[in-house]
Amino acid sequence: MSEYYIPVPLEQAIKQYTDQDLIEVISTTEFRLEKNKYDVNEAALVLYDTAKTEWCARHGEKPCPRIIAPIEFIFEGDIYAEEF
């Protein structure tokens, strides 16, 4: 049995995202931009921009909460790691 996926415009698809999904997209992209702007490609920037637009449409000028990305977590071993 094969499944067919019909392409949907991003603006229409993102309306089905939950607020938590929007927060994750926005927070993860902002973290990657802060860490190294070259890690973010054009497709991720378009998704980020569309997510920010949808957040503003839903919540107005209310700022988007920031979540800690899993790669931001500091583990005990990282605190005492020696730099070479």
Protein backbone atom coordinates (compact mmCIF):
# COMPACT_ATOMS: atom_id res chain seq x y z
CA MET A 1 0.00 0.00 0.00
CA SER A 2 1.53 3.30 -1.05
CA GLU A 3 0.68 6.61 0.48
CA TYR A 4 0.48 9.82 -1.46
CA TYR A 5 1.36 13.15 0.08
CA ILE A 6 -0.13 16.26 -1.42
CA PRO A 7 2.13 19.30 -1.04
CA VAL A 8 0.59 22.04 1.07
CA PRO A 9 1.82 25.65 1.22
CA LEU A 10 3.84 26.37 4.34
CA GLU A 11 1.51 29.18 5.45
CA GLN A 12 -1.39 26.74 5.41
CA ALA A 13 0.50 23.86 7.04
CA ILE A 14 1.82 25.96 9.93
CA LYS A 15 -1.71 26.90 10.96
CA GLN A 16 -2.09 23.27 12.10
CA TYR A 17 0.95 23.54 14.41
CA THR A 18 0.27 23.70 18.13
CA ASP A 19 1.70 26.56 20.18
CA GLN A 20 4.29 24.12 21.56
CA ASP A 21 5.40 23.23 18.01
CA LEU A 22 5.77 26.92 17.15
CA ILE A 23 7.79 27.56 20.32
CA GLU A 24 10.12 24.65 19.51
CA VAL A 25 10.70 25.84 15.93
CA ILE A 26 11.35 29.43 17.01
CA SER A 27 13.56 28.56 20.00
CA THR A 28 15.65 25.99 18.17
CA THR A 29 16.27 28.28 15.20
CA GLU A 30 17.16 31.24 17.43
CA PHE A 31 19.63 29.09 19.37
CA ARG A 32 21.23 27.84 16.16
CA LEU A 33 21.47 31.42 14.85
CA GLU A 34 23.18 32.55 18.07
CA LYS A 35 25.58 29.63 18.11
CA ASN A 36 26.61 29.70 14.45
CA LYS A 37 24.57 31.51 11.85
CA TYR A 38 26.01 29.28 9.12
CA ASP A 39 24.27 26.23 10.63
CA VAL A 40 20.89 27.60 9.50
CA ASN A 41 19.95 27.20 5.85
CA GLU A 42 17.42 29.16 3.83
CA ALA A 43 14.63 26.61 4.34
CA ALA A 44 15.04 26.84 8.13
CA LEU A 45 14.92 30.64 7.94
CA VAL A 46 11.69 30.51 5.94
CA LEU A 47 10.16 28.11 8.47
CA TYR A 48 11.36 30.37 11.32
CA ASP A 49 9.88 33.48 9.68
CA THR A 50 6.58 31.74 9.01
CA ALA A 51 6.44 30.41 12.60
CA LYS A 52 7.11 33.92 13.99
CA THR A 53 4.36 35.34 11.74
CA GLU A 54 1.90 32.68 12.92
CA TRP A 55 2.88 33.32 16.57
CA CYS A 56 2.17 37.05 16.11
CA ALA A 57 -1.16 36.27 14.39
CA ARG A 58 -2.22 34.10 17.34
CA HIS A 59 -0.79 36.07 20.26
CA GLY A 60 -0.17 39.60 19.00
CA GLU A 61 2.90 41.30 20.48
CA LYS A 62 3.27 38.75 23.29
CA PRO A 63 6.87 37.44 23.20
CA CYS A 64 7.45 33.82 22.33
CA PRO A 65 8.71 31.82 25.35
CA ARG A 66 12.20 30.40 25.00
CA ILE A 67 12.78 26.73 25.66
CA ILE A 68 16.15 25.18 26.28
CA ALA A 69 17.27 23.16 23.29
CA PRO A 70 18.57 19.69 24.15
CA ILE A 71 22.00 20.64 22.79
CA GLU A 72 22.12 23.53 25.28
CA PHE A 73 21.99 21.24 28.31
CA ILE A 74 25.17 21.19 30.36
CA PHE A 75 26.10 17.83 31.71
CA GLU A 76 28.25 17.44 34.79
CA GLY A 77 31.15 16.12 32.74
CA ASP A 78 31.08 19.21 30.53
CA ILE A 79 31.55 21.55 33.49
CA TYR A 80 34.86 20.02 34.47
CA ALA A 81 36.09 19.28 30.97
CA GLU A 82 39.58 20.53 30.25
CA GLU A 83 40.17 22.69 27.21
CA PHE A 84 43.15 21.82 25.09
